[in-house]
Amino acid sequence: MPTSAASSSHPDETAYDRHRLRQWLAGDARADGVSRRRLLALLAATGAAGALPLSAPAHAAGDTIVKPLPPEKFVRRGTNAETRWEALRGTGHHTPNDLFFVRNHTATPALRAHDWRLRLWGSGLRGGPAEDRAIEFGYDDLRRLPSATRTAFVECAGNGRSGYTTQQGETVGGTAWTQGAIGVARWRGVRLSTVLHRAGLSPYAVDVQPRGLDAEYVSGGENLGRVRRPLPLSKALHDVLLAYEMNGEPLPPDHGHPVRVLVPSWVGIASVKWVGDIEVSRQPLFSPWNTAFYRLFGPAHPEGGSAPLTRQTLKSAFELASGATFPAGRSQVLRGRSWSGAGAVARVDVSTDGGASWRPARLDERPRPDTWTRWSVDWRPRTRGAAQLLARATDTAGRTQPDVSVFNTEGYLFDAVVRHEVTVV
């Protein structure tokens, strides 16, 4: 039977995760590509987390990304590309497709929509665990189903990671993103719930696991297979899309063409690109992307690691280059964006004197969940020299950005107020 956590719209992810781990130990869960040692470390909380291969190796950039990456718009980071915030100024609420950041584990695959098939399979479809059933949908099949449109951000869990080092003096693993591993788009596609019900969803299903069609991923000499990550059924049925359009155009290759998963407000790894199959299971599922990766490890977190990351945290950024210059005595309008995985942005405060004083920014659009809110504030700098601009958001869940982000070894979910260095001349 489904667990109570799986049937809730807002599951207690920690309790649900521990329940799944115990089911695995009893032989009632599956761990595809995950070693027994990893799962025992997570379950028993023995402090073995330090032995887990948490960091993925860097890859040569090569031709891993299809679209042009002009240096005035992007920073190349291995197989990835980070959007420069100054390039977003004046672009409107939605990030243009050609400015959207790219997070690739390997390389963007070349896939054609008319050849693409989505296979749904597993014990969580009607037919029972003894004879796993499978059903396929083509690209045109999806487009004939009722469509849904949602504006939402996609953000890497490591966005802002460099702040742990530059602001807090802490060493963390992973790609040294600043704040540009996020983008907002208007996504159109089919609700995953619609496809699951068309495929014959069993009342006993508890997990779904989308898998991408990009190349198999090798970390630390171990082939982990294709990128895949389980979702609790409650989230899968709530607001997840199988998206085939981005800002009114067919998905570009680097962003999941022909179809990707969109999991609003959750860490980006959940929004699997180039989805090719979805396992629907009566058993809890595990993969390297919710065991060795995308958990919090460190002194402030449970021995053996936190529950898998789900909702994104709270952040703010100025639409400015680091080190931007401003003339003294001239009025300026500072612009930026704030966002939260827990709700809409309720308030943004800005400091132009390194945090000595604060004043509220103007919210230039109606705040909404799942996306960012643009804001602005007037500034007339008077003193020449170095200055620090700070923006601090508060969301409708009552969270406010802290001065210091709680350390974790992989640098996930950096949420501290960022000190944006500028110069007045």
Protein backbone atom coordinates (compact mmCIF):
# COMPACT_ATOMS: atom_id res chain seq x y z
CA MET A 1 0.00 0.00 0.00
CA PRO A 2 1.19 3.57 -0.50
CA THR A 3 2.73 5.28 2.50
CA SER A 4 0.94 8.23 4.01
CA ALA A 5 3.85 10.45 2.93
CA ALA A 6 3.44 9.38 -0.67
CA SER A 7 -0.24 10.28 -0.69
CA SER A 8 0.25 13.74 0.83
CA SER A 9 0.55 16.88 -1.30
CA HIS A 10 3.44 18.06 0.90
CA PRO A 11 5.23 14.97 2.20
CA ASP A 12 7.64 15.04 5.12
CA GLU A 13 10.62 14.19 2.93
CA THR A 14 12.87 13.18 5.84
CA ALA A 15 10.36 10.70 7.29
CA TYR A 16 9.48 9.42 3.83
CA ASP A 17 13.14 8.91 2.96
CA ARG A 18 13.89 6.98 6.15
CA HIS A 19 10.82 4.83 5.54
CA ARG A 20 12.06 4.04 2.02
CA LEU A 21 15.52 3.16 3.31
CA ARG A 22 14.06 0.73 5.85
CA GLN A 23 11.98 -0.84 3.10
CA TRP A 24 15.16 -1.30 1.08
CA LEU A 25 16.85 -3.07 4.01
CA ALA A 26 13.82 -5.38 4.28
CA GLY A 27 14.04 -6.18 0.57
CA ASP A 28 10.99 -4.14 -0.37
CA ALA A 29 12.73 -1.35 -2.30
CA ARG A 30 15.01 -1.12 -5.32
CA ALA A 31 18.32 0.71 -5.63
CA ASP A 32 19.34 1.00 -9.27
CA GLY A 33 23.07 1.68 -9.54
CA VAL A 34 23.53 2.38 -5.81
CA SER A 35 25.89 0.32 -3.69
CA ARG A 36 24.80 -1.40 -0.50
CA ARG A 37 27.50 0.56 1.33
CA ARG A 38 25.95 3.89 0.32
CA LEU A 39 22.47 2.90 1.43
CA LEU A 40 23.67 1.43 4.72
CA ALA A 41 25.57 4.65 5.44
CA LEU A 42 22.43 6.69 4.83
CA LEU A 43 20.23 4.36 6.87
CA ALA A 44 22.44 3.57 9.82
CA ALA A 45 23.82 7.12 10.22
CA THR A 46 27.25 5.68 10.95
CA GLY A 47 29.18 8.76 9.86
CA ALA A 48 30.39 7.01 6.70
CA ALA A 49 29.25 9.91 4.54
CA GLY A 50 32.79 11.18 4.25
CA ALA A 51 33.69 8.02 2.38
CA LEU A 52 31.00 8.48 -0.25
CA PRO A 53 32.16 9.67 -3.70
CA LEU A 54 30.18 12.90 -3.56
CA SER A 55 32.03 15.00 -6.09
CA ALA A 56 31.64 14.44 -9.81
CA PRO A 57 34.83 14.88 -11.84
CA ALA A 58 35.20 17.84 -14.16
CA HIS A 59 34.80 17.18 -17.88
CA ALA A 60 36.46 18.96 -20.77
CA ALA A 61 34.10 21.46 -22.36
CA GLY A 62 34.54 20.30 -25.96
CA ASP A 63 31.30 20.50 -27.93
CA THR A 64 29.09 19.49 -25.02
CA ILE A 65 26.69 22.43 -25.61
CA VAL A 66 25.01 23.18 -28.94
CA LYS A 67 23.99 26.84 -28.75
CA PRO A 68 26.44 29.75 -29.06
CA LEU A 69 27.94 30.92 -25.76
CA PRO A 70 29.25 34.46 -26.32
CA PRO A 71 31.53 35.46 -23.41
CA GLU A 72 29.59 38.64 -22.73
CA LYS A 73 26.54 36.49 -21.93
CA PHE A 74 27.94 33.27 -20.45
CA VAL A 75 30.74 31.86 -18.33
CA ARG A 76 31.82 28.39 -19.46
CA ARG A 77 32.13 25.91 -16.59
CA GLY A 78 33.19 22.52 -17.96
CA THR A 79 30.15 20.89 -19.54
CA ASN A 80 28.02 23.76 -18.23
CA ALA A 81 27.37 27.43 -19.02
CA GLU A 82 26.41 30.08 -16.48
CA THR A 83 24.34 33.12 -17.45
CA ARG A 84 25.89 36.49 -16.66
CA TRP A 85 23.44 38.54 -14.60
CA GLU A 86 24.30 41.77 -16.38
CA ALA A 87 23.06 40.14 -19.61
CA LEU A 88 19.57 39.76 -18.10
CA ARG A 89 18.98 43.48 -17.65
CA GLY A 90 16.08 44.57 -19.81
CA THR A 91 15.12 41.05 -20.90
CA GLY A 92 11.75 40.95 -19.13
CA HIS A 93 10.38 38.33 -16.78
CA HIS A 94 11.19 35.26 -18.89
CA THR A 95 14.79 34.37 -19.63
CA PRO A 96 15.29 34.27 -23.43
CA ASN A 97 16.17 30.77 -24.61
CA ASP A 98 19.53 31.92 -25.93
CA LEU A 99 20.42 33.32 -22.46
CA PHE A 100 19.21 30.38 -20.38
CA PHE A 101 21.96 28.64 -18.37
CA VAL A 102 22.99 25.07 -19.29
CA ARG A 103 23.62 22.25 -16.83
CA ASN A 104 24.86 19.07 -18.52
CA HIS A 105 26.28 15.96 -16.90
CA THR A 106 27.83 14.89 -20.22
CA ALA A 107 26.89 16.42 -23.59
CA THR A 108 23.70 17.59 -25.28
CA PRO A 109 22.39 14.64 -27.33
CA ALA A 110 21.11 14.98 -30.90
CA LEU A 111 17.50 13.75 -30.79
CA ARG A 112 14.73 14.06 -33.36
CA ALA A 113 11.14 14.55 -32.25
CA HIS A 114 9.66 12.18 -34.84
CA ASP A 115 11.93 9.34 -33.62
CA TRP A 116 11.41 10.01 -29.92
CA ARG A 117 9.35 7.70 -27.72
CA LEU A 118 8.48 7.95 -24.03
CA ARG A 119 8.18 4.56 -22.33
CA LEU A 120 6.29 4.25 -19.05
CA TRP A 121 6.83 0.96 -17.30
CA GLY A 122 7.02 -0.74 -13.93
CA SER A 123 5.11 -2.41 -11.16
CA GLY A 124 3.23 0.81 -10.38
CA LEU A 125 1.15 0.48 -13.54
CA ARG A 126 -1.95 -1.67 -13.57
CA GLY A 127 -1.03 -5.29 -14.13
CA GLY A 128 0.62 -5.95 -10.81
CA PRO A 129 4.22 -6.38 -9.66
CA ALA A 130 4.54 -9.88 -11.14
CA GLU A 131 4.15 -8.71 -14.74
CA ASP A 132 5.45 -5.20 -15.23
CA ARG A 133 3.44 -3.41 -17.87
CA ALA A 134 4.80 -0.88 -20.35
CA ILE A 135 3.16 1.70 -22.58
CA GLU A 136 4.72 4.16 -25.05
CA PHE A 137 3.84 7.67 -26.19
CA GLY A 138 5.26 9.41 -29.26
CA TYR A 139 5.85 13.14 -29.58
CA ASP A 140 2.61 13.67 -31.50
CA ASP A 141 0.74 11.54 -28.95
CA LEU A 142 1.79 13.94 -26.20
CA ARG A 143 0.87 17.01 -28.21
CA ARG A 144 -2.64 15.63 -28.78
CA LEU A 145 -3.24 15.42 -25.02
CA PRO A 146 -4.64 18.41 -23.08
CA SER A 147 -1.81 20.89 -22.59
CA ALA A 148 -0.83 23.03 -19.62
CA THR A 149 1.38 26.13 -19.42
CA ARG A 150 3.40 27.17 -16.38
CA THR A 151 5.95 29.92 -15.73
CA ALA A 152 8.63 28.50 -13.46
CA PHE A 153 12.32 28.72 -12.71
CA VAL A 154 14.81 25.91 -13.15
CA GLU A 155 17.82 26.32 -10.85
CA CYS A 156 20.81 24.11 -10.18
CA ALA A 157 21.06 22.99 -6.54
CA GLY A 158 24.61 24.35 -6.54
CA ASN A 159 23.69 27.84 -7.74
CA GLY A 160 25.59 30.37 -5.62
CA ARG A 161 28.06 27.68 -4.48
CA SER A 162 31.10 29.94 -4.85
CA GLY A 163 29.71 32.08 -2.01
CA TYR A 164 30.70 29.42 0.52
CA THR A 165 34.32 30.11 -0.43
CA THR A 166 34.35 33.80 -1.34
CA GLN A 167 32.12 35.03 1.51
CA GLN A 168 32.49 32.36 4.17
CA GLY A 169 36.00 30.98 3.60
CA GLU A 170 34.75 27.38 3.32
CA THR A 171 35.93 24.73 0.86
CA VAL A 172 33.18 22.88 -0.99
CA GLY A 173 33.04 20.51 -3.96
CA GLY A 174 31.28 20.93 -7.30
CA THR A 175 31.04 23.54 -10.04
CA ALA A 176 31.86 27.04 -8.76
CA TRP A 177 28.64 28.72 -9.88
CA THR A 178 28.13 32.32 -8.86
CA GLN A 179 24.39 33.15 -9.18
CA GLY A 180 23.70 32.51 -12.86
CA ALA A 181 22.65 28.85 -12.76
CA ILE A 182 18.97 29.80 -12.91
CA GLY A 183 16.48 30.78 -15.56
CA VAL A 184 12.73 31.38 -15.78
CA ALA A 185 10.71 30.26 -18.78
CA ARG A 186 7.11 29.80 -19.86
CA TRP A 187 6.86 26.04 -20.25
CA ARG A 188 4.12 24.25 -22.17
CA GLY A 189 3.48 20.54 -22.14
CA VAL A 190 1.34 17.80 -20.65
CA ARG A 191 0.79 17.24 -16.97
CA LEU A 192 2.65 14.14 -15.83
CA SER A 193 -0.50 13.15 -13.94
CA THR A 194 -2.40 13.01 -17.25
CA VAL A 195 0.18 10.69 -18.81
CA LEU A 196 0.38 8.48 -15.71
CA HIS A 197 -3.38 8.02 -15.64
CA ARG A 198 -3.48 7.33 -19.40
CA ALA A 199 -0.79 4.69 -18.85
CA GLY A 200 -2.86 2.97 -16.15
CA LEU A 201 -1.58 4.17 -12.78
CA SER A 202 -1.97 1.58 -10.03
CA PRO A 203 -3.36 2.68 -6.64
CA TYR A 204 -0.30 1.01 -5.10
CA ALA A 205 2.32 3.17 -6.87
CA VAL A 206 4.61 5.19 -4.58
CA ASP A 207 7.51 6.47 -6.75
CA VAL A 208 8.16 7.52 -10.33
CA GLN A 209 11.66 7.79 -11.81
CA PRO A 210 12.29 9.73 -15.04
CA ARG A 211 15.48 8.88 -16.92
CA GLY A 212 17.26 10.98 -19.53
CA LEU A 213 18.54 10.01 -22.98
CA ASP A 214 21.92 11.71 -22.61
CA ALA A 215 25.07 9.59 -22.33
CA GLU A 216 25.81 7.42 -19.32
CA TYR A 217 27.63 9.30 -16.58
CA VAL A 218 30.94 8.14 -15.11
CA SER A 219 32.07 9.42 -11.69
CA GLY A 220 35.18 8.28 -9.86
CA GLY A 221 35.68 5.49 -12.39
CA GLU A 222 32.16 4.13 -11.77
CA ASN A 223 29.52 4.11 -14.50
CA LEU A 224 26.36 5.43 -12.86
CA GLY A 225 24.20 5.06 -15.95
CA ARG A 226 21.91 7.70 -17.36
CA VAL A 227 20.72 10.58 -15.20
CA ARG A 228 17.61 9.58 -13.25
CA ARG A 229 16.04 10.61 -9.97
CA PRO A 230 12.94 9.34 -8.16
CA LEU A 231 9.98 11.58 -7.35
CA PRO A 232 7.35 10.79 -4.71
CA LEU A 233 4.04 10.12 -6.43
CA SER A 234 2.47 13.03 -4.54
CA LYS A 235 4.75 15.54 -6.30
CA ALA A 236 4.46 13.77 -9.66
CA LEU A 237 0.67 14.12 -9.54
CA HIS A 238 0.69 17.66 -8.15
CA ASP A 239 2.32 20.07 -10.62
CA VAL A 240 4.95 18.27 -12.73
CA LEU A 241 4.94 18.82 -16.51
CA LEU A 242 6.33 16.89 -19.43
CA ALA A 243 7.36 20.04 -21.29
CA TYR A 244 7.84 20.25 -25.05
CA GLU A 245 7.85 24.06 -25.47
CA MET A 246 9.95 26.79 -23.88
CA ASN A 247 8.91 30.43 -24.24
CA GLY A 248 6.61 29.59 -27.15
CA GLU A 249 9.18 27.57 -29.12
CA PRO A 250 9.98 23.86 -29.31
CA LEU A 251 12.48 22.97 -26.59
CA PRO A 252 16.02 23.80 -27.77
CA PRO A 253 18.50 20.88 -27.77
CA ASP A 254 20.43 22.10 -24.69
CA HIS A 255 17.23 22.40 -22.68
CA GLY A 256 15.77 18.97 -23.24
CA HIS A 257 14.51 18.61 -26.83
CA PRO A 258 12.17 17.03 -27.59
CA VAL A 259 10.66 16.59 -24.07
CA ARG A 260 11.88 17.27 -20.56
CA VAL A 261 10.47 16.95 -17.07
CA LEU A 262 9.66 20.20 -15.24
CA VAL A 263 9.38 19.97 -11.44
CA PRO A 264 8.45 23.48 -10.25
CA SER A 265 10.34 24.96 -7.28
CA TRP A 266 12.48 21.84 -6.75
CA VAL A 267 16.22 21.60 -7.33
CA GLY A 268 17.10 21.42 -11.01
CA ILE A 269 18.26 17.79 -11.01
CA ALA A 270 14.62 16.74 -10.59
CA SER A 271 13.73 18.36 -13.94
CA VAL A 272 15.34 15.62 -16.05
CA LYS A 273 16.14 16.71 -19.62
CA TRP A 274 15.69 14.55 -22.74
CA VAL A 275 13.39 12.19 -20.85
CA GLY A 276 13.10 8.79 -22.51
CA ASP A 277 11.47 6.56 -19.93
CA ILE A 278 9.69 6.80 -16.60
CA GLU A 279 9.59 3.92 -14.18
CA VAL A 280 6.43 3.78 -12.06
CA SER A 281 6.97 1.64 -9.00
CA ARG A 282 5.14 0.07 -6.08
CA GLN A 283 8.51 -0.03 -4.36
CA PRO A 284 10.57 2.94 -3.19
CA LEU A 285 13.33 3.72 -5.67
CA PHE A 286 16.89 4.98 -5.25
CA SER A 287 19.49 6.20 -7.70
CA PRO A 288 22.92 7.84 -7.28
CA TRP A 289 21.16 11.20 -7.74
CA ASN A 290 19.24 10.91 -4.48
CA THR A 291 21.82 9.00 -2.42
CA ALA A 292 25.44 9.99 -3.15
CA PHE A 293 24.44 13.27 -4.79
CA TYR A 294 21.93 15.97 -3.86
CA ARG A 295 21.87 15.44 -0.11
CA LEU A 296 23.45 17.64 2.55
CA PHE A 297 26.56 16.31 4.29
CA GLY A 298 28.59 18.11 6.93
CA PRO A 299 28.83 18.92 10.65
CA ALA A 300 25.43 20.64 10.79
CA HIS A 301 23.61 17.78 9.06
CA PRO A 302 22.72 14.24 10.13
CA GLU A 303 25.53 11.70 10.06
CA GLY A 304 24.87 9.76 6.88
CA GLY A 305 23.30 12.78 5.17
CA SER A 306 20.06 14.71 5.00
CA ALA A 307 16.98 13.61 3.11
CA PRO A 308 17.23 14.14 -0.68
CA LEU A 309 17.01 17.79 -1.67
CA THR A 310 13.60 18.90 -2.87
CA ARG A 311 12.54 22.57 -2.70
CA GLN A 312 14.93 25.29 -3.69
CA THR A 313 15.98 27.92 -1.20
CA LEU A 314 15.63 31.74 -1.14
CA LYS A 315 17.96 34.03 -3.14
CA SER A 316 18.40 37.53 -4.59
CA ALA A 317 20.67 38.91 -7.30
CA PHE A 318 21.43 42.28 -8.86
CA GLU A 319 21.33 42.68 -12.65
CA LEU A 320 24.91 43.87 -12.53
CA ALA A 321 28.38 42.62 -13.33
CA SER A 322 30.69 42.08 -10.38
CA GLY A 323 32.92 45.15 -10.09
CA ALA A 324 30.53 47.43 -12.02
CA THR A 325 31.36 51.14 -11.80
CA PHE A 326 29.03 54.05 -10.99
CA PRO A 327 29.70 57.81 -11.22
CA ALA A 328 29.54 59.66 -7.91
CA GLY A 329 26.69 62.12 -7.49
CA ARG A 330 24.56 60.69 -10.31
CA SER A 331 21.18 59.04 -9.65
CA GLN A 332 20.93 55.37 -10.58
CA VAL A 333 18.22 52.73 -10.61
CA LEU A 334 19.47 49.41 -9.28
CA ARG A 335 17.52 46.41 -10.52
CA GLY A 336 17.44 42.79 -9.46
CA ARG A 337 15.40 39.64 -8.96
CA SER A 338 14.50 37.47 -5.96
CA TRP A 339 12.97 34.01 -5.81
CA SER A 340 12.06 31.19 -3.44
CA GLY A 341 11.16 27.52 -3.66
CA ALA A 342 8.76 27.83 -0.73
CA GLY A 343 6.36 30.47 -2.04
CA ALA A 344 6.19 33.94 -3.51
CA VAL A 345 8.54 36.79 -2.60
CA ALA A 346 6.90 39.03 0.00
CA ARG A 347 9.55 41.73 0.45
CA VAL A 348 13.03 42.74 -0.71
CA ASP A 349 15.32 45.06 1.24
CA VAL A 350 18.46 46.61 -0.24
CA SER A 351 21.58 48.04 1.35
CA THR A 352 24.03 50.24 -0.57
CA ASP A 353 26.46 50.65 2.33
CA GLY A 354 27.57 47.08 3.00
CA GLY A 355 24.69 46.28 5.35
CA ALA A 356 24.92 49.29 7.67
CA SER A 357 21.40 50.42 6.67
CA TRP A 358 18.52 48.92 4.69
CA ARG A 359 15.50 50.18 2.78
CA PRO A 360 12.69 48.40 0.94
CA ALA A 361 12.92 47.93 -2.81
CA ARG A 362 9.98 48.44 -5.15
CA LEU A 363 8.45 45.19 -6.34
CA ASP A 364 7.98 45.83 -10.05
CA GLU A 365 5.59 42.94 -10.67
CA ARG A 366 3.11 40.86 -8.74
CA PRO A 367 4.99 38.17 -6.79
CA ARG A 368 4.06 34.59 -7.69
CA PRO A 369 5.20 31.15 -6.52
CA ASP A 370 7.62 29.10 -8.66
CA THR A 371 9.18 32.16 -10.31
CA TRP A 372 11.23 35.23 -9.47
CA THR A 373 10.07 38.76 -8.74
CA ARG A 374 11.80 41.75 -10.34
CA TRP A 375 12.48 44.77 -8.14
CA SER A 376 14.23 48.14 -8.26
CA VAL A 377 15.60 50.81 -5.95
CA ASP A 378 16.98 54.32 -6.50
CA TRP A 379 20.58 55.09 -5.52
CA ARG A 380 22.71 58.21 -5.70
CA PRO A 381 26.24 57.27 -4.63
CA ARG A 382 28.19 60.12 -3.06
CA THR A 383 31.47 58.63 -1.80
CA ARG A 384 34.08 57.43 -4.27
CA GLY A 385 35.70 54.05 -3.77
CA ALA A 386 34.66 50.46 -3.20
CA ALA A 387 31.06 49.76 -2.19
CA GLN A 388 28.99 46.69 -1.41
CA LEU A 389 25.40 46.29 -2.61
CA LEU A 390 23.24 43.78 -0.73
CA ALA A 391 19.72 42.49 -1.42
CA ARG A 392 17.77 40.46 1.14
CA ALA A 393 14.45 38.77 0.32
CA THR A 394 11.66 37.51 2.54
CA ASP A 395 9.11 35.02 1.18
CA THR A 396 5.48 34.22 1.98
CA ALA A 397 6.60 31.19 4.01
CA GLY A 398 8.24 33.62 6.45
CA ARG A 399 11.83 32.87 5.51
CA THR A 400 14.40 35.68 5.20
CA GLN A 401 17.83 35.33 3.64
CA PRO A 402 20.44 34.90 6.38
CA ASP A 403 23.84 36.57 6.64
CA VAL A 404 25.56 33.17 6.59
CA SER A 405 24.52 29.98 4.80
CA VAL A 406 24.82 26.69 6.71
CA PHE A 407 27.83 24.79 5.38
CA ASN A 408 27.55 21.50 3.54
CA THR A 409 30.39 19.67 1.81
CA GLU A 410 28.98 19.97 -1.72
CA GLY A 411 27.95 23.62 -1.46
CA TYR A 412 24.26 23.13 -2.18
CA LEU A 413 21.47 25.64 -1.45
CA PHE A 414 23.57 28.73 -0.76
CA ASP A 415 21.02 31.25 0.53
CA ALA A 416 23.05 33.94 2.31
CA VAL A 417 22.79 37.59 1.31
CA VAL A 418 25.35 38.09 -1.46
CA ARG A 419 27.79 41.01 -1.16
CA HIS A 420 27.93 42.51 -4.64
CA GLU A 421 31.14 44.48 -5.06
CA VAL A 422 31.02 47.70 -7.13
CA THR A 423 33.14 50.85 -7.44
CA VAL A 424 32.06 54.49 -7.31
CA VAL A 425 34.25 56.78 -9.42
